[in-house]
Amino acid sequence: MPHLLRRTTALATLACTLGLTVAGALSLGTTPAAAQQTDAAVYDGAKARVNRSASLRALSEAIASASCRMSAGIETETATQELADFRDDFRAILAALENGSDIMGMPGAEKRARLLNVIHETESQWNPMDEAIAHLLDGTGSQADTAVIRTSYKPLFDQTVILAADVSGQYSDPLELMQSDATVLNFADRQRMLVQRMTRDMCELAAGTASEGTLEELTATVELFDLSLTALRDGMPAAGVKPPPSDAIKASLSATYGVWQENHGIFDAVMAGQTPTPEDVVASAQLSRDLSVAMNNAITLYLIATPGQDGVYRVPLEVYARTELAEWLTDPALIEALRAQNSQNADLSEADIIALDQQWRAEAAAGDGPLIAKLLNDPVSQWLAQQQTATAGFVTEVFVMDNKGLNVAQSVETSDYWQGDEAKWQQTYSVGPDALHISDVEFDDSTGFYQSQASLPIQDPDTGAVIGAVTFGINVQNLM
């Protein structure tokens, strides 16, 4: 097929296969009061439901890719862990779509009969794969289980497309989900599916399990990914895609395109008819991971730059902070450390506090020092680090502050020692036991993800008095 005709066909496919998205949006310039609360009476989690249902498409492809690499003995350990993670994500999202999940931003069970029927049909398609995956993960799996995944993922994928489209249609809301935003976000979300499909195709070709048409599918997928990414970066009015609404989104997509341009040559020899090697499959899998992270970043920017951002990350973050994270704050050693530092620092003057903060900053610039070492080596700090690790990347940092805003314990090194002049302390410790402060989303260079900070007051369990505060850094992409 001539190249131009292929591109025209791809454009038609691009315009016709839009199955859903997330939508809408407020700007990040929310007032401090409004930024900390959402009207539960009108919030139904539309944006989160649409985005989560869309992600099931990528997960169905990702599961098939990981299963293929496991059975082919290609990066087996990594593929096994990914298969377990993808399975957990698929199950959690499907359950949340039916029963609701505050932490996922979907309050309340689904009540629409049409959607419940589609969800139940998706579950019936998923259950045989779920059982086969369980066998593979617990060591009792066989070739039959691998075959179940290989033959079932396509019907499951087709069903997730139907589910995503129905969720998008049922939850469209001009206050949260405008059609133009839905189109763009659907393009962006579908990119995550396409990168997983490339690796699945590469693995099947390398393992000799490819069906007729797999090579053609790989070629079409590579071309469609390139075309879609260009459309997202530059806009494509013919397909209903507007240019990026902000410089940050434009820069994110441009960086993603740079990663793609630098690495997509790994597919050229295969598309020309050469059988991929295990090393080619590993390279494709790594590119899929890199591009998935990059597209997640772009989608995060879209979600927080369009109406409904409260529902996408503030609402589930509040639930997560007040339920699961708040449990950390009853640890006896943490409470005792706060009591001790409040007593020890009772007579500190403002000049003393500033001097300590300047000492900390100087040590941070130098890379080490006695004040930083003392805090990071403290048993409570080490416990916080262990708690952070147990969240598997959900929590990116945590630090506890005393009644003057000075750090008491922390999981990682902070840029400063005194937080008393910042909202994280002023709008928690100074407000009272029921306070909660959630920051705007910012990009964290150290982790490569977008994160927000949730801050809570800490009470003395004996008196009920507020004796300090805590700040959690949260990878908000885990909420989306």
Protein backbone atom coordinates (compact mmCIF):
# COMPACT_ATOMS: atom_id res chain seq x y z
CA MET A 1 0.00 0.00 0.00
CA PRO A 2 1.48 3.42 -0.91
CA HIS A 3 2.71 5.38 2.09
CA LEU A 4 0.32 8.31 1.55
CA LEU A 5 -2.66 5.97 1.27
CA ARG A 6 -1.59 4.22 4.48
CA ARG A 7 -1.44 7.58 6.25
CA THR A 8 -4.89 8.52 4.93
CA THR A 9 -6.25 5.18 6.11
CA ALA A 10 -4.58 5.66 9.48
CA LEU A 11 -6.13 9.12 9.79
CA ALA A 12 -9.55 7.67 9.08
CA THR A 13 -8.92 4.98 11.68
CA LEU A 14 -7.71 7.64 14.10
CA ALA A 15 -10.87 9.66 13.66
CA CYS A 16 -13.24 6.69 13.84
CA THR A 17 -11.84 4.66 16.72
CA LEU A 18 -12.18 7.25 19.47
CA GLY A 19 -13.75 5.30 22.27
CA LEU A 20 -13.49 7.50 25.34
CA THR A 21 -11.67 9.80 27.55
CA VAL A 22 -11.54 11.90 30.52
CA ALA A 23 -12.63 15.38 30.40
CA GLY A 24 -13.26 18.80 31.35
CA ALA A 25 -11.60 21.12 33.70
CA LEU A 26 -10.79 23.84 36.04
CA SER A 27 -7.50 25.64 35.88
CA LEU A 28 -4.88 25.19 38.57
CA GLY A 29 -5.60 28.69 39.78
CA THR A 30 -8.25 27.59 42.27
CA THR A 31 -8.70 29.78 45.32
CA PRO A 32 -7.23 28.35 48.54
CA ALA A 33 -10.66 27.74 50.07
CA ALA A 34 -12.19 26.18 46.97
CA ALA A 35 -9.09 24.13 46.35
CA GLN A 36 -9.58 22.22 49.60
CA GLN A 37 -13.18 21.16 49.16
CA THR A 38 -15.49 19.62 46.58
CA ASP A 39 -19.28 19.57 46.67
CA ALA A 40 -20.03 15.90 47.31
CA ALA A 41 -23.66 16.46 46.33
CA VAL A 42 -22.75 17.15 42.70
CA TYR A 43 -19.53 15.16 42.34
CA ASP A 44 -20.04 11.71 40.84
CA GLY A 45 -16.50 10.90 39.73
CA ALA A 46 -17.31 11.21 36.02
CA LYS A 47 -13.80 12.14 34.99
CA ALA A 48 -12.19 9.39 37.03
CA ARG A 49 -14.68 6.78 35.78
CA VAL A 50 -14.04 7.67 32.16
CA ASN A 51 -10.28 7.69 32.57
CA ARG A 52 -10.16 4.44 34.55
CA SER A 53 -12.42 2.60 32.12
CA ALA A 54 -10.24 3.76 29.24
CA SER A 55 -7.15 2.35 30.92
CA LEU A 56 -8.61 -1.16 30.80
CA ARG A 57 -7.86 -1.22 27.08
CA ALA A 58 -4.15 -0.78 27.70
CA LEU A 59 -4.20 -3.26 30.58
CA SER A 60 -5.69 -6.02 28.42
CA GLU A 61 -2.84 -5.57 25.93
CA ALA A 62 -0.27 -5.27 28.72
CA ILE A 63 -1.43 -8.53 30.29
CA ALA A 64 -1.09 -10.36 26.97
CA SER A 65 2.38 -8.87 26.47
CA ALA A 66 3.63 -9.84 29.95
CA SER A 67 2.18 -13.34 29.62
CA CYS A 68 3.92 -13.84 26.27
CA ARG A 69 7.28 -12.78 27.69
CA MET A 70 6.82 -15.06 30.70
CA SER A 71 6.05 -18.13 28.56
CA ALA A 72 8.86 -17.28 26.13
CA GLY A 73 11.42 -16.91 28.95
CA ILE A 74 12.15 -13.29 28.06
CA GLU A 75 12.96 -11.08 31.10
CA THR A 76 10.87 -13.54 33.08
CA GLU A 77 11.18 -11.92 36.51
CA THR A 78 10.15 -8.49 35.27
CA ALA A 79 7.35 -9.89 33.13
CA THR A 80 6.00 -11.90 36.07
CA GLN A 81 5.91 -8.86 38.33
CA GLU A 82 4.26 -6.79 35.61
CA LEU A 83 1.65 -9.49 35.03
CA ALA A 84 0.80 -9.47 38.73
CA ASP A 85 0.60 -5.67 38.81
CA PHE A 86 -1.51 -5.44 35.65
CA ARG A 87 -3.88 -8.10 36.99
CA ASP A 88 -4.28 -6.23 40.30
CA ASP A 89 -4.98 -2.98 38.44
CA PHE A 90 -7.54 -4.56 36.12
CA ARG A 91 -9.40 -6.23 38.98
CA ALA A 92 -9.38 -3.07 41.11
CA ILE A 93 -10.67 -0.83 38.32
CA LEU A 94 -13.41 -3.25 37.29
CA ALA A 95 -14.57 -3.58 40.89
CA ALA A 96 -14.50 0.19 41.40
CA LEU A 97 -16.55 0.82 38.26
CA GLU A 98 -19.24 -1.47 39.65
CA ASN A 99 -19.09 -0.85 43.41
CA GLY A 100 -17.43 2.55 43.62
CA SER A 101 -14.12 3.51 45.21
CA ASP A 102 -13.44 6.77 46.99
CA ILE A 103 -9.69 6.31 46.68
CA MET A 104 -10.06 5.93 42.90
CA GLY A 105 -12.30 9.00 42.74
CA MET A 106 -15.50 7.04 42.01
CA PRO A 107 -17.87 7.56 44.94
CA GLY A 108 -20.86 5.26 45.12
CA ALA A 109 -21.83 2.09 43.31
CA GLU A 110 -22.93 2.17 39.69
CA LYS A 111 -26.74 2.39 39.42
CA ARG A 112 -27.31 2.59 35.67
CA ALA A 113 -28.68 -0.73 34.46
CA ARG A 114 -27.08 -0.38 31.02
CA LEU A 115 -23.62 0.20 32.44
CA LEU A 116 -23.99 -2.57 34.99
CA ASN A 117 -24.82 -4.97 32.16
CA VAL A 118 -21.71 -3.90 30.24
CA ILE A 119 -19.55 -4.17 33.36
CA HIS A 120 -20.88 -7.67 34.04
CA GLU A 121 -20.19 -8.70 30.45
CA THR A 122 -16.64 -7.38 30.84
CA GLU A 123 -16.29 -9.41 34.03
CA SER A 124 -17.44 -12.57 32.23
CA GLN A 125 -14.79 -11.98 29.56
CA TRP A 126 -12.18 -11.24 32.23
CA ASN A 127 -12.79 -14.16 34.60
CA PRO A 128 -11.16 -16.93 32.47
CA MET A 129 -8.07 -14.75 32.00
CA ASP A 130 -8.01 -13.89 35.68
CA GLU A 131 -8.01 -17.58 36.60
CA ALA A 132 -5.31 -18.39 34.06
CA ILE A 133 -3.11 -15.55 35.35
CA ALA A 134 -3.57 -16.79 38.92
CA HIS A 135 -2.27 -20.21 37.87
CA LEU A 136 0.76 -18.70 36.16
CA LEU A 137 1.59 -16.58 39.19
CA ASP A 138 1.22 -19.31 41.80
CA GLY A 139 3.41 -21.75 39.87
CA THR A 140 0.65 -24.15 38.83
CA GLY A 141 0.26 -22.69 35.35
CA SER A 142 0.49 -24.67 32.15
CA GLN A 143 0.61 -24.05 28.42
CA ALA A 144 -3.16 -24.25 28.53
CA ASP A 145 -3.29 -21.19 30.80
CA THR A 146 -0.97 -19.29 28.48
CA ALA A 147 -3.21 -20.28 25.58
CA VAL A 148 -6.28 -18.98 27.44
CA ILE A 149 -4.65 -15.56 27.78
CA ARG A 150 -3.45 -15.58 24.18
CA THR A 151 -6.90 -16.41 22.80
CA SER A 152 -9.00 -14.42 25.28
CA TYR A 153 -7.29 -11.05 25.38
CA LYS A 154 -8.66 -9.92 22.00
CA PRO A 155 -12.36 -10.45 22.94
CA LEU A 156 -11.58 -8.85 26.29
CA PHE A 157 -9.96 -5.88 24.58
CA ASP A 158 -12.98 -5.46 22.30
CA GLN A 159 -15.24 -5.56 25.35
CA THR A 160 -13.18 -2.91 27.18
CA VAL A 161 -13.60 -0.62 24.16
CA ILE A 162 -17.38 -1.02 24.45
CA LEU A 163 -17.25 -0.43 28.20
CA ALA A 164 -15.12 2.68 27.84
CA ALA A 165 -17.40 4.14 25.19
CA ASP A 166 -20.52 3.48 27.28
CA VAL A 167 -18.98 4.99 30.42
CA SER A 168 -17.95 8.05 28.45
CA GLY A 169 -21.43 8.41 26.99
CA GLN A 170 -23.22 7.95 30.31
CA TYR A 171 -20.97 10.28 32.29
CA SER A 172 -20.58 13.11 29.80
CA ASP A 173 -21.14 16.37 31.64
CA PRO A 174 -20.58 19.85 30.17
CA LEU A 175 -19.22 20.94 33.55
CA GLU A 176 -16.56 18.22 33.54
CA LEU A 177 -16.43 16.45 30.20
CA MET A 178 -16.49 18.50 27.02
CA GLN A 179 -16.40 16.59 23.76
CA SER A 180 -13.29 18.32 22.45
CA ASP A 181 -11.40 17.45 25.65
CA ALA A 182 -12.75 13.91 25.50
CA THR A 183 -11.38 13.46 22.00
CA VAL A 184 -7.90 14.67 22.89
CA LEU A 185 -7.72 12.65 26.09
CA ASN A 186 -8.92 9.56 24.29
CA PHE A 187 -6.07 9.93 21.82
CA ALA A 188 -3.61 10.32 24.68
CA ASP A 189 -4.96 7.38 26.63
CA ARG A 190 -5.02 5.15 23.58
CA GLN A 191 -1.29 5.73 23.11
CA ARG A 192 -0.67 3.67 26.25
CA MET A 193 -2.54 0.79 24.67
CA LEU A 194 -0.62 1.06 21.40
CA VAL A 195 2.80 0.81 23.06
CA GLN A 196 1.73 -2.36 24.86
CA ARG A 197 0.44 -3.81 21.59
CA MET A 198 3.80 -3.22 19.90
CA THR A 199 5.60 -5.28 22.53
CA ARG A 200 3.00 -8.03 22.44
CA ASP A 201 3.39 -8.27 18.66
CA MET A 202 7.18 -8.32 18.96
CA CYS A 203 7.04 -11.07 21.58
CA GLU A 204 4.64 -13.25 19.59
CA LEU A 205 6.78 -12.90 16.48
CA ALA A 206 9.92 -13.81 18.45
CA ALA A 207 8.25 -16.76 20.23
CA GLY A 208 6.67 -18.20 17.12
CA THR A 209 3.14 -17.81 18.51
CA ALA A 210 2.09 -15.00 16.17
CA SER A 211 -1.12 -15.39 14.24
CA GLU A 212 -1.62 -14.42 10.64
CA GLY A 213 -1.64 -10.66 10.42
CA THR A 214 0.53 -9.97 13.48
CA LEU A 215 3.29 -8.40 11.41
CA GLU A 216 0.78 -6.19 9.61
CA GLU A 217 -0.71 -5.24 12.97
CA LEU A 218 2.73 -4.22 14.26
CA THR A 219 3.33 -2.05 11.20
CA ALA A 220 -0.08 -0.38 11.53
CA THR A 221 0.40 0.15 15.26
CA VAL A 222 3.81 1.80 14.87
CA GLU A 223 2.41 4.09 12.19
CA LEU A 224 -0.72 4.94 14.17
CA PHE A 225 1.27 5.71 17.31
CA ASP A 226 3.49 8.12 15.37
CA LEU A 227 0.53 9.79 13.68
CA SER A 228 -1.45 10.09 16.92
CA LEU A 229 1.50 11.52 18.85
CA THR A 230 2.08 14.10 16.14
CA ALA A 231 -1.62 14.99 16.23
CA LEU A 232 -1.53 15.46 19.99
CA ARG A 233 1.62 17.57 19.84
CA ASP A 234 0.58 19.82 16.94
CA GLY A 235 -3.19 19.43 16.74
CA MET A 236 -5.15 17.77 13.94
CA PRO A 237 -8.45 19.54 13.22
CA ALA A 238 -9.49 16.90 10.67
CA ALA A 239 -9.59 14.34 13.50
CA GLY A 240 -11.06 16.74 16.08
CA VAL A 241 -7.78 17.17 17.97
CA LYS A 242 -7.02 20.67 19.21
CA PRO A 243 -3.42 21.81 19.85
CA PRO A 244 -2.18 21.41 23.44
CA PRO A 245 -3.95 23.85 25.78
CA SER A 246 -0.76 24.80 27.61
CA ASP A 247 2.98 25.12 27.07
CA ALA A 248 3.56 22.44 29.71
CA ILE A 249 1.49 19.90 27.79
CA LYS A 250 3.17 20.87 24.53
CA ALA A 251 6.60 20.43 26.10
CA SER A 252 5.62 17.07 27.60
CA LEU A 253 4.38 15.76 24.26
CA SER A 254 7.42 17.10 22.44
CA ALA A 255 9.70 15.30 24.89
CA THR A 256 7.68 12.12 24.41
CA TYR A 257 8.03 12.44 20.65
CA GLY A 258 11.77 12.81 21.09
CA VAL A 259 11.92 9.52 23.01
CA TRP A 260 9.84 7.85 20.30
CA GLN A 261 11.97 9.21 17.45
CA GLU A 262 15.17 8.11 19.12
CA ASN A 263 14.04 4.55 19.73
CA HIS A 264 11.35 3.43 17.28
CA GLY A 265 14.02 2.16 14.87
CA ILE A 266 13.98 -1.10 16.85
CA PHE A 267 10.87 -2.03 14.88
CA ASP A 268 12.27 -1.31 11.40
CA ALA A 269 14.04 -4.62 10.77
CA VAL A 270 11.09 -6.60 12.10
CA MET A 271 8.62 -4.71 9.92
CA ALA A 272 10.91 -5.50 6.99
CA GLY A 273 10.45 -9.21 7.70
CA GLN A 274 13.24 -10.08 10.14
CA THR A 275 12.31 -12.23 13.14
CA PRO A 276 12.85 -10.26 16.35
CA THR A 277 15.40 -11.54 18.86
CA PRO A 278 14.77 -11.77 22.61
CA GLU A 279 16.93 -8.64 22.92
CA ASP A 280 14.58 -6.84 20.50
CA VAL A 281 11.61 -7.82 22.67
CA VAL A 282 13.36 -6.56 25.82
CA ALA A 283 14.15 -3.27 24.08
CA SER A 284 10.54 -2.95 22.97
CA ALA A 285 9.29 -3.65 26.49
CA GLN A 286 11.56 -0.97 27.92
CA LEU A 287 10.40 1.51 25.30
CA SER A 288 6.81 0.66 26.21
CA ARG A 289 7.56 1.45 29.86
CA ASP A 290 9.26 4.73 29.00
CA LEU A 291 6.50 5.83 26.66
CA SER A 292 3.79 4.78 29.11
CA VAL A 293 5.35 6.96 31.80
CA ALA A 294 5.65 9.84 29.32
CA MET A 295 2.03 9.51 28.21
CA ASN A 296 0.92 9.24 31.85
CA ASN A 297 2.63 12.58 32.46
CA ALA A 298 0.87 14.15 29.49
CA ILE A 299 -2.50 12.73 30.53
CA THR A 300 -1.96 14.01 34.06
CA LEU A 301 -1.41 17.50 32.67
CA TYR A 302 -4.56 17.25 30.56
CA LEU A 303 -6.59 16.05 33.53
CA ILE A 304 -5.52 18.89 35.81
CA ALA A 305 -5.82 21.54 33.08
CA THR A 306 -9.45 20.74 32.27
CA PRO A 307 -12.62 20.96 34.40
CA GLY A 308 -13.13 18.36 37.09
CA GLN A 309 -9.62 18.27 38.52
CA ASP A 310 -11.02 18.08 42.06
CA GLY A 311 -12.64 14.77 41.22
CA VAL A 312 -9.56 13.44 39.49
CA TYR A 313 -7.08 13.88 42.30
CA ARG A 314 -8.26 16.01 45.23
CA VAL A 315 -11.22 13.86 46.23
CA PRO A 316 -9.41 10.49 46.17
CA LEU A 317 -6.34 12.07 47.76
CA GLU A 318 -8.44 13.39 50.63
CA VAL A 319 -9.93 9.94 51.21
CA TYR A 320 -6.50 8.29 51.06
CA ALA A 321 -5.03 10.83 53.46
CA ARG A 322 -7.85 10.71 56.02
CA THR A 323 -8.14 6.93 56.07
CA GLU A 324 -4.94 5.06 55.25
CA LEU A 325 -2.27 7.72 55.79
CA ALA A 326 -3.84 9.04 59.00
CA GLU A 327 -3.20 5.62 60.56
CA TRP A 328 0.53 6.37 60.50
CA LEU A 329 -0.02 9.25 62.88
CA THR A 330 -0.95 7.08 65.87
CA ASP A 331 2.45 5.37 66.06
CA PRO A 332 3.65 5.68 69.69
CA ALA A 333 7.28 6.37 68.75
CA LEU A 334 6.23 9.17 66.40
CA ILE A 335 4.01 10.74 69.07
CA GLU A 336 6.78 10.51 71.67
CA ALA A 337 9.29 12.11 69.26
CA LEU A 338 6.90 15.02 68.72
CA ARG A 339 6.34 15.50 72.45
CA ALA A 340 10.09 15.44 73.11
CA GLN A 341 10.96 17.96 70.39
CA ASN A 342 8.13 20.32 71.39
CA SER A 343 9.51 20.30 74.94
CA GLN A 344 13.11 20.64 73.81
CA ASN A 345 12.35 23.56 71.46
CA ALA A 346 9.92 25.39 73.74
CA ASP A 347 12.26 28.35 74.25
CA LEU A 348 13.55 28.70 70.66
CA SER A 349 13.37 32.24 69.34
CA GLU A 350 12.60 33.21 65.78
CA ALA A 351 16.30 33.90 65.26
CA ASP A 352 17.13 30.41 66.53
CA ILE A 353 14.68 28.85 64.10
CA ILE A 354 16.07 30.82 61.17
CA ALA A 355 19.61 29.83 62.15
CA LEU A 356 18.65 26.13 62.23
CA ASP A 357 16.96 26.43 58.85
CA GLN A 358 20.03 28.12 57.38
CA GLN A 359 22.26 25.39 58.81
CA TRP A 360 20.07 22.74 57.19
CA ARG A 361 20.13 24.49 53.81
CA ALA A 362 23.91 24.81 53.96
CA GLU A 363 24.29 21.12 54.79
CA ALA A 364 21.87 20.19 51.97
CA ALA A 365 23.95 22.24 49.53
CA ALA A 366 27.12 20.55 50.76
CA GLY A 367 25.56 17.10 50.49
CA ASP A 368 25.74 16.18 54.19
CA GLY A 369 26.01 17.51 57.72
CA PRO A 370 25.31 16.69 61.37
CA LEU A 371 21.77 18.13 61.49
CA ILE A 372 20.61 16.26 58.38
CA ALA A 373 22.38 13.06 59.43
CA LYS A 374 20.81 13.20 62.90
CA LEU A 375 17.29 13.41 61.50
CA LEU A 376 17.65 10.89 58.69
CA ASN A 377 19.26 8.34 61.04
CA ASP A 378 16.57 8.77 63.68
CA PRO A 379 14.55 5.54 64.23
CA VAL A 380 11.27 7.35 63.50
CA SER A 381 12.68 8.65 60.20
CA GLN A 382 13.76 5.14 59.28
CA TRP A 383 10.28 3.84 60.15
CA LEU A 384 8.72 6.50 57.92
CA ALA A 385 11.04 5.43 55.10
CA GLN A 386 9.90 1.82 55.54
CA GLN A 387 6.25 2.89 55.50
CA GLN A 388 6.87 4.91 52.35
CA THR A 389 8.54 1.96 50.62
CA ALA A 390 5.56 -0.24 51.46
CA THR A 391 3.27 2.02 49.41
CA ALA A 392 5.13 0.94 46.23
CA GLY A 393 5.67 4.45 44.95
CA PHE A 394 2.32 5.93 45.97
CA VAL A 395 3.94 8.01 48.73
CA THR A 396 7.06 9.79 47.50
CA GLU A 397 8.06 11.51 50.74
CA VAL A 398 6.79 12.09 54.27
CA PHE A 399 7.98 14.46 56.96
CA VAL A 400 6.67 15.30 60.42
CA MET A 401 6.75 18.85 61.82
CA ASP A 402 6.62 20.05 65.43
CA ASN A 403 4.56 22.88 66.94
CA LYS A 404 6.95 25.45 65.47
CA GLY A 405 7.07 23.94 61.98
CA LEU A 406 10.52 22.35 62.40
CA ASN A 407 11.13 18.86 61.04
CA VAL A 408 10.97 16.06 63.61
CA ALA A 409 11.40 13.05 61.32
CA GLN A 410 11.38 12.44 57.59
CA SER A 411 11.70 9.65 55.05
CA VAL A 412 13.91 11.62 52.66
CA GLU A 413 15.96 14.80 52.82
CA THR A 414 13.86 17.95 52.44
CA SER A 415 15.12 21.21 50.95
CA ASP A 416 14.54 23.09 54.18
CA TYR A 417 14.18 22.39 57.90
CA TRP A 418 11.53 24.90 58.87
CA GLN A 419 8.06 24.64 57.28
CA GLY A 420 6.35 27.14 59.57
CA ASP A 421 6.08 29.78 56.86
CA GLU A 422 4.32 27.42 54.44
CA ALA A 423 0.68 26.42 53.94
CA LYS A 424 1.40 22.77 54.74
CA TRP A 425 1.96 23.77 58.38
CA GLN A 426 -0.05 26.99 58.66
CA GLN A 427 -3.25 25.43 57.28
CA THR A 428 -3.02 22.26 59.37
CA TYR A 429 -1.36 22.77 62.76
CA SER A 430 -2.74 26.28 63.08
CA VAL A 431 -6.28 25.31 62.00
CA GLY A 432 -7.14 22.31 64.16
CA PRO A 433 -7.56 18.54 64.31
CA ASP A 434 -9.91 18.24 61.32
CA ALA A 435 -7.79 20.28 58.93
CA LEU A 436 -6.41 19.00 55.63
CA HIS A 437 -4.32 20.85 53.09
CA ILE A 438 -3.81 19.55 49.54
CA SER A 439 -1.35 21.36 47.32
CA ASP A 440 -1.53 21.93 43.59
CA VAL A 441 0.11 19.31 41.38
CA GLU A 442 3.75 19.90 40.48
CA PHE A 443 6.35 17.94 38.55
CA ASP A 444 8.97 16.28 40.75
CA ASP A 445 12.31 16.14 38.95
CA SER A 446 13.67 13.54 41.35
CA THR A 447 10.92 10.99 40.63
CA GLY A 448 9.87 11.99 37.10
CA PHE A 449 6.20 12.05 38.17
CA TYR A 450 3.62 14.68 39.00
CA GLN A 451 2.88 14.87 42.67
CA SER A 452 0.78 16.71 45.21
CA GLN A 453 1.25 17.10 48.94
CA ALA A 454 -1.38 16.21 51.51
CA SER A 455 -0.84 17.64 54.99
CA LEU A 456 -2.64 16.75 58.22
CA PRO A 457 -2.43 17.85 61.87
CA ILE A 458 -1.18 15.33 64.44
CA GLN A 459 -3.02 14.99 67.76
CA ASP A 460 -1.75 13.83 71.11
CA PRO A 461 -3.79 10.67 71.79
CA ASP A 462 -3.90 11.41 75.53
CA THR A 463 -5.13 15.01 75.37
CA GLY A 464 -6.56 15.43 71.87
CA ALA A 465 -4.44 18.56 71.45
CA VAL A 466 -2.73 19.22 68.11
CA ILE A 467 1.02 18.79 68.69
CA GLY A 468 2.39 18.82 65.15
CA ALA A 469 1.67 18.19 61.49
CA VAL A 470 2.69 15.84 58.71
CA THR A 471 3.11 16.21 54.97
CA PHE A 472 2.86 13.33 52.50
CA GLY A 473 4.11 13.66 48.95
CA ILE A 474 1.79 11.65 46.69
CA ASN A 475 2.34 10.47 43.14
CA VAL A 476 -1.02 11.70 41.82
CA GLN A 477 -0.70 9.58 38.69
CA ASN A 478 -1.47 6.60 40.91
CA LEU A 479 -4.81 8.28 41.60
CA MET A 480 -5.61 8.56 37.90
